[in-house]
Protein backbone atom coordinates (compact mmCIF):
# COMPACT_ATOMS: atom_id res chain seq x y z
CA MET A 1 106.17 107.38 76.26
CA PRO A 2 103.15 108.03 74.05
CA VAL A 3 99.89 109.02 75.71
CA ILE A 4 98.12 105.79 74.75
CA ASN A 5 100.82 103.72 76.50
CA PHE A 6 100.37 105.82 79.63
CA ILE A 7 96.60 105.28 79.58
CA VAL A 8 96.99 101.52 79.08
CA TRP A 9 99.57 101.47 81.89
CA LEU A 10 97.09 103.19 84.24
CA VAL A 11 94.17 100.94 83.28
CA VAL A 12 96.17 97.70 83.54
CA GLY A 13 97.74 98.88 86.79
CA GLY A 14 94.26 99.61 88.16
CA VAL A 15 92.95 96.19 87.17
CA ILE A 16 95.99 94.44 88.67
CA GLY A 17 95.63 96.46 91.88
CA TRP A 18 91.94 95.62 92.04
CA ILE A 19 92.55 91.89 91.56
CA ALA A 20 95.33 91.95 94.17
CA SER A 21 93.04 93.75 96.63
CA MET A 22 90.37 91.10 96.07
CA ILE A 23 92.92 88.32 96.68
CA MET A 24 94.12 90.01 99.87
CA ARG A 25 90.55 90.98 100.92
CA THR A 26 91.32 94.71 101.13
CA ASP A 27 89.01 95.76 98.30
CA ALA A 28 86.50 97.52 100.55
CA GLN A 29 89.25 99.71 102.02
CA GLN A 30 90.67 101.19 98.84
CA GLY A 31 89.25 103.03 95.89
CA VAL A 32 90.17 103.33 92.23
CA VAL A 33 93.16 105.62 92.74
CA LEU A 34 94.69 103.37 95.39
CA ASN A 35 94.11 100.33 93.16
CA ILE A 36 96.07 102.06 90.39
CA VAL A 37 98.87 102.96 92.80
CA VAL A 38 99.01 99.41 94.20
CA GLY A 39 99.05 97.95 90.68
CA ILE A 40 101.84 100.19 89.42
CA ILE A 41 104.02 99.96 92.54
CA GLY A 42 103.32 96.23 92.74
CA ALA A 43 104.39 95.83 89.12
CA ALA A 44 107.62 97.69 89.91
CA LEU A 45 108.17 95.47 92.95
CA GLY A 46 107.45 92.36 90.91
CA GLY A 47 109.80 93.55 88.19
CA TRP A 48 112.52 94.10 90.74
CA LEU A 49 112.05 90.88 92.79
CA ILE A 50 110.41 88.30 90.55
CA SER A 51 111.44 89.16 86.99
CA PRO A 52 115.12 88.23 87.45
CA LEU A 53 114.09 84.86 88.91
CA VAL A 54 111.68 83.84 86.14
CA GLY A 55 113.00 85.91 83.24
CA VAL A 56 109.66 87.59 82.54
CA PRO A 57 109.35 91.40 82.55
CA SER A 58 106.57 93.29 84.33
CA ILE A 59 104.08 95.70 82.76
CA ASN A 60 106.32 98.61 83.80
CA GLN A 61 108.97 97.38 81.37
CA ASP A 62 106.83 97.92 78.23
CA ALA A 63 105.89 94.25 78.06
CA PHE A 64 102.29 93.20 77.75
CA SER A 65 101.89 89.44 78.07
CA VAL A 66 100.27 86.95 80.39
CA GLY A 67 103.61 86.41 82.14
CA ALA A 68 104.07 90.15 82.63
CA LEU A 69 100.57 90.43 84.08
CA LEU A 70 101.22 87.55 86.48
CA VAL A 71 104.57 89.01 87.61
CA SER A 72 102.86 92.36 88.21
CA LEU A 73 99.97 90.70 90.08
CA VAL A 74 102.31 88.75 92.36
CA GLY A 75 104.22 91.96 93.07
CA ALA A 76 100.97 93.76 93.95
CA VAL A 77 99.91 90.92 96.27
CA ILE A 78 103.32 91.04 97.98
CA LEU A 79 102.95 94.81 98.38
CA LEU A 80 99.52 94.46 99.99
CA ALA A 81 100.78 91.67 102.26
CA VAL A 82 103.62 93.89 103.50
CA VAL A 83 101.25 96.83 104.03
CA ASN A 84 98.83 94.59 105.96
CA LEU A 85 101.69 93.22 108.04
CA LEU A 86 102.88 96.71 108.97
CA ARG A 87 99.39 98.09 109.56
CA ARG A 88 97.71 95.21 111.41
CA GLY A 89 100.52 92.93 112.48
CA SER A 90 99.20 90.09 110.27
CA VAL A 91 99.34 89.36 106.55
CA ARG A 92 95.64 88.45 106.61
């Protein structure tokens, strides 16, 4: 993977993690690094769970489209919901 793809992957993962944290109202609890981690792991989760159902790849599969961003965002929101459920006992 070229360096520029890696940088774009980190930036897009960070933005997706940030948007997901705003949707789930956990933005005040996590910083930039955690947003990147949530975005990338959420994209992997979305690619594993959602992509086969809708036929759209995630950003982790070298696809950069609106559908890929939405699949990755939904995966990140699911990830934060599961983390909130385990941590607090409620999805929030």
